[in-house]
Structure formats: C-alpha cells, structure tokens
Amino acid sequence: MALLPDELRSQIFRAVFVAVNNPNWQNAPKDFVPTFLEMWTKILNCVKKEGYLPRDGSFFQIILPAGAALELANGVLSKNRKYFAGNPELESRYTLWEPKNEIISLAFADDATLMSQNPPVTIDEWCQVFPKAKMTRVLVSPDQFGAKEIGHTGMFRDGNERLWEMIRDIIVDGRIPDNGAIRRWNQEKAKL
C-alpha cells in the first residue's frame, strides 16, 4: 500500500495484508539461522546463474525476474532488520504514510515463514514499519476455520473457501475474527 503512487493510495478504502511477512534471518530462532541463510544464498546463486528465479528455485515456488529476485534475496540476507523499509528510496513511504483507515495484517499460524515463533516476530516487525498507521495483526490457526493446513499459500488451495469468507467479513463488514490472536499498534480498539 505504501509503495503505490499517491493518486492511487488516496483511493484505497481499506487495506488487508494477507500472510505478509518480513522473514529476514535476524528474526529467526538461532537454530534456524544456518538453514535460513543457506536457503536464501542458494536462491541468490540460482538467480545469478539462470538470469531469473525459476519456480523450482525457491521454497515459495514463484517465478521472478532477476532484478526483483536479486533485490529480494540481497535484502533478506542484509544486516538491516527492516531491510525493505530500510531502503533509503522507500523508507519515507512507510514512515510518512498516514492512512485514514486501519490496516489489517492477517497471518496464518502454520506459515513456515513465521518459523514457529509465538508471537509471530516477522509479522510484528513488519507492522511496526508503519509508525503512523493504525494496525491490527490477527493470527489465525487452521483449525479455527476447519482447515488442516493453510501455510504460506494455503488460501489458494481447494477446500479453504471459508478463509475467503473471512476476508470478505473483514473487507465488507469490518469484522475481525474474534477467535484469532490479536495485537494492535497506535490504537485502543479497532474501528473498521
């Protein structure tokens, strides 16, 4: 949201972040750091060799052009805990953005990029990047919505239609799941 041009940002009524995270290695548990660094180093090498990030080249199974993939991998491997917001060209987009409506950050408890941390450190770090926004983080576990697994991309699997109903409840009716672990920034109570 913060990266959109001003003329588009002013048209956004409500922003919903679904499984957005900032899984850089500084937020990982110590026993996970070597695996994390190895995984992203392999991605970096794959991009340099292939000229792009192929689908089978990453845990996330996505295809990215070399420029975007190199920026992502280099950022994740950097020493900056908030590497994306820490980019001098982008930082003010986050720190100066004052949306009128609350931002919902929705995370799924079994998302591997959370690295089994409770509370979800990567999500909370990301939420804190927006110091002038009213933020609400909701942590949802699969069994709350009759799903065996949601994970990182589970909303797009057959059988998880109830999750989209939850998104509809948030966007249209302003109803935050009352059975999700909630944390708020810059506010007392959500007013959707």
Protein backbone atom coordinates (compact mmCIF):
# COMPACT_ATOMS: atom_id res chain seq x y z
CA MET A 1 0.00 0.00 0.00
CA ALA A 2 2.67 2.47 0.99
CA LEU A 3 4.53 1.87 -2.26
CA LEU A 4 1.62 2.83 -4.51
CA PRO A 5 1.59 6.22 -6.24
CA ASP A 6 -0.14 8.95 -4.24
CA GLU A 7 -3.07 9.21 -6.63
CA LEU A 8 -3.83 5.51 -6.17
CA ARG A 9 -3.19 5.38 -2.42
CA SER A 10 -5.85 8.04 -1.87
CA GLN A 11 -8.42 5.73 -3.50
CA ILE A 12 -7.86 2.80 -1.14
CA PHE A 13 -10.72 2.36 1.31
CA ARG A 14 -9.30 -0.48 3.34
CA ALA A 15 -6.03 -2.38 3.12
CA VAL A 16 -5.73 -6.03 4.09
CA PHE A 17 -2.35 -7.72 4.31
CA VAL A 18 -2.68 -11.47 3.90
CA ALA A 19 0.30 -13.51 5.11
CA VAL A 20 2.66 -10.61 4.58
CA ASN A 21 5.93 -11.07 6.38
CA ASN A 22 9.49 -9.90 6.54
CA PRO A 23 11.33 -13.18 7.12
CA ASN A 24 14.88 -11.93 7.28
CA TRP A 25 17.33 -14.06 9.19
CA GLN A 26 17.77 -11.63 12.11
CA ASN A 27 14.24 -12.53 13.23
CA ALA A 28 14.77 -16.28 13.02
CA PRO A 29 15.36 -18.52 16.06
CA LYS A 30 19.10 -19.20 16.46
CA ASP A 31 18.81 -22.86 15.50
CA PHE A 32 17.08 -21.89 12.25
CA VAL A 33 19.54 -19.21 11.11
CA PRO A 34 22.04 -21.53 9.31
CA THR A 35 19.23 -23.16 7.29
CA PHE A 36 17.69 -19.79 6.54
CA LEU A 37 20.97 -18.30 5.29
CA GLU A 38 21.73 -21.39 3.19
CA MET A 39 18.26 -21.33 1.61
CA TRP A 40 18.49 -17.68 0.57
CA THR A 41 22.12 -17.97 -0.53
CA LYS A 42 21.08 -20.79 -2.88
CA ILE A 43 18.29 -18.59 -4.24
CA LEU A 44 20.80 -15.79 -4.83
CA ASN A 45 23.15 -18.14 -6.69
CA CYS A 46 20.28 -19.61 -8.70
CA VAL A 47 19.18 -16.16 -9.87
CA LYS A 48 22.73 -15.21 -10.86
CA LYS A 49 23.13 -18.47 -12.80
CA GLU A 50 19.72 -18.61 -14.51
CA GLY A 51 19.11 -14.89 -15.02
CA TYR A 52 15.76 -15.15 -13.21
CA LEU A 53 14.24 -17.01 -10.25
CA PRO A 54 12.55 -20.18 -11.60
CA ARG A 55 9.54 -21.74 -9.88
CA ASP A 56 11.51 -24.70 -8.57
CA GLY A 57 14.33 -22.45 -7.37
CA SER A 58 12.69 -21.39 -4.11
CA PHE A 59 10.63 -22.64 -1.22
CA PHE A 60 7.88 -20.23 -2.26
CA GLN A 61 7.51 -21.71 -5.78
CA ILE A 62 7.32 -18.35 -7.53
CA ILE A 63 8.87 -17.02 -10.73
CA LEU A 64 10.57 -13.62 -10.54
CA PRO A 65 12.71 -11.61 -12.97
CA ALA A 66 16.35 -11.34 -11.99
CA GLY A 67 16.22 -7.72 -10.82
CA ALA A 68 13.36 -8.23 -8.38
CA ALA A 69 14.69 -11.58 -7.19
CA LEU A 70 18.19 -10.22 -6.57
CA GLU A 71 16.81 -7.25 -4.66
CA LEU A 72 14.65 -9.55 -2.53
CA ALA A 73 17.41 -12.09 -1.79
CA ASN A 74 20.05 -9.44 -1.13
CA GLY A 75 17.61 -7.61 1.12
CA VAL A 76 16.72 -10.72 3.09
CA LEU A 77 20.42 -11.53 3.59
CA SER A 78 21.34 -7.98 4.61
CA LYS A 79 22.06 -6.84 8.15
CA ASN A 80 19.09 -4.48 8.14
CA ARG A 81 16.29 -5.96 10.29
CA LYS A 82 13.73 -4.00 8.32
CA TYR A 83 15.53 -4.35 5.02
CA PHE A 84 12.62 -3.33 2.77
CA ALA A 85 11.58 -0.27 4.76
CA GLY A 86 15.24 0.45 5.36
CA ASN A 87 15.82 1.05 1.66
CA PRO A 88 16.56 4.82 1.57
CA GLU A 89 14.40 5.19 -1.54
CA LEU A 90 11.40 3.59 0.14
CA GLU A 91 11.71 4.40 3.83
CA SER A 92 9.67 7.61 3.79
CA ARG A 93 6.81 5.81 2.06
CA TYR A 94 6.39 3.80 5.24
CA THR A 95 7.25 6.31 7.93
CA LEU A 96 5.19 9.16 6.44
CA TRP A 97 2.15 7.17 5.31
CA GLU A 98 -0.91 8.11 7.39
CA PRO A 99 -3.86 6.07 6.08
CA LYS A 100 -7.25 7.13 7.43
CA ASN A 101 -8.42 3.53 7.64
CA GLU A 102 -6.91 0.81 9.73
CA ILE A 103 -4.55 -1.75 8.20
CA ILE A 104 -5.28 -5.40 8.96
CA SER A 105 -2.30 -7.74 8.95
CA LEU A 106 -3.62 -11.29 8.72
CA ALA A 107 -1.18 -14.12 9.43
CA PHE A 108 -1.66 -17.87 9.47
CA ALA A 109 -0.13 -19.62 12.47
CA ASP A 110 1.23 -22.55 10.43
CA ASP A 111 3.00 -20.35 7.86
CA ALA A 112 6.56 -21.73 7.69
CA THR A 113 7.99 -18.23 7.29
CA LEU A 114 6.90 -17.44 10.85
CA MET A 115 9.40 -20.09 11.96
CA SER A 116 7.06 -21.34 14.72
CA GLN A 117 7.55 -18.15 16.71
CA ASN A 118 4.77 -17.10 19.04
CA PRO A 119 4.02 -14.25 18.82
CA PRO A 120 4.93 -14.07 15.10
CA VAL A 121 8.07 -11.93 15.23
CA THR A 122 8.35 -11.42 11.48
CA ILE A 123 4.77 -10.16 11.19
CA ASP A 124 5.08 -7.88 14.21
CA GLU A 125 8.35 -6.42 12.89
CA TRP A 126 6.58 -5.65 9.62
CA CYS A 127 3.63 -3.99 11.36
CA GLN A 128 5.98 -1.69 13.25
CA VAL A 129 7.34 -0.35 9.95
CA PHE A 130 4.19 1.82 9.72
CA PRO A 131 4.55 4.16 12.73
CA LYS A 132 1.66 6.47 11.74
CA ALA A 133 -0.84 3.80 10.73
CA LYS A 134 -3.45 2.12 12.86
CA MET A 135 -2.54 -1.54 12.59
CA THR A 136 -4.23 -4.70 13.77
CA ARG A 137 -2.46 -8.03 13.45
CA VAL A 138 -4.67 -11.12 13.56
CA LEU A 139 -3.07 -14.54 13.90
CA VAL A 140 -5.36 -17.29 12.65
CA SER A 141 -4.81 -21.03 13.13
CA PRO A 142 -6.10 -23.50 10.51
CA ASP A 143 -8.44 -25.39 12.85
CA GLN A 144 -10.34 -22.18 13.58
CA PHE A 145 -11.64 -22.34 10.02
CA GLY A 146 -11.93 -26.08 9.54
CA ALA A 147 -8.71 -26.35 7.56
CA LYS A 148 -5.97 -28.93 8.05
CA GLU A 149 -3.34 -26.60 6.72
CA ILE A 150 -3.14 -23.03 5.50
CA GLY A 151 0.58 -22.38 5.46
CA HIS A 152 2.12 -19.72 3.25
CA THR A 153 -0.14 -20.11 0.22
CA GLY A 154 -2.98 -22.25 1.56
CA MET A 155 -5.70 -19.71 0.79
CA PHE A 156 -5.37 -20.75 -2.84
CA ARG A 157 -5.94 -24.47 -2.24
CA ASP A 158 -9.24 -26.26 -2.77
CA GLY A 159 -11.19 -26.73 0.44
CA ASN A 160 -10.13 -23.46 2.08
CA GLU A 161 -13.04 -21.39 0.80
CA ARG A 162 -14.03 -20.41 4.35
CA LEU A 163 -10.83 -18.35 4.53
CA TRP A 164 -12.10 -16.17 1.69
CA GLU A 165 -15.35 -15.71 3.58
CA MET A 166 -13.25 -14.45 6.49
CA ILE A 167 -11.52 -11.96 4.15
CA ARG A 168 -14.94 -10.85 2.93
CA ASP A 169 -16.08 -10.37 6.54
CA ILE A 170 -13.07 -8.13 7.18
CA ILE A 171 -13.26 -6.06 4.00
CA VAL A 172 -17.02 -5.66 3.62
CA ASP A 173 -18.38 -5.87 7.17
CA GLY A 174 -15.31 -4.79 9.12
CA ARG A 175 -15.47 -7.93 11.28
CA ILE A 176 -12.14 -9.13 12.65
CA PRO A 177 -12.10 -12.84 13.58
CA ASP A 178 -12.86 -12.93 17.28
CA ASN A 179 -11.03 -16.21 17.71
CA GLY A 180 -7.70 -15.01 16.31
CA ALA A 181 -4.78 -13.80 18.43
CA ILE A 182 -4.91 -10.02 18.04
CA ARG A 183 -2.29 -7.31 18.60
CA ARG A 184 -2.79 -3.62 17.88
CA TRP A 185 -0.50 -0.68 17.18
CA ASN A 186 -1.31 3.03 17.55
CA GLN A 187 -4.87 2.47 18.79
CA GLU A 188 -7.01 1.27 21.66
CA LYS A 189 -9.67 -0.55 19.68
CA ALA A 190 -10.23 -1.37 16.04
CA LYS A 191 -12.75 0.86 14.29
CA LEU A 192 -13.37 -0.56 10.85
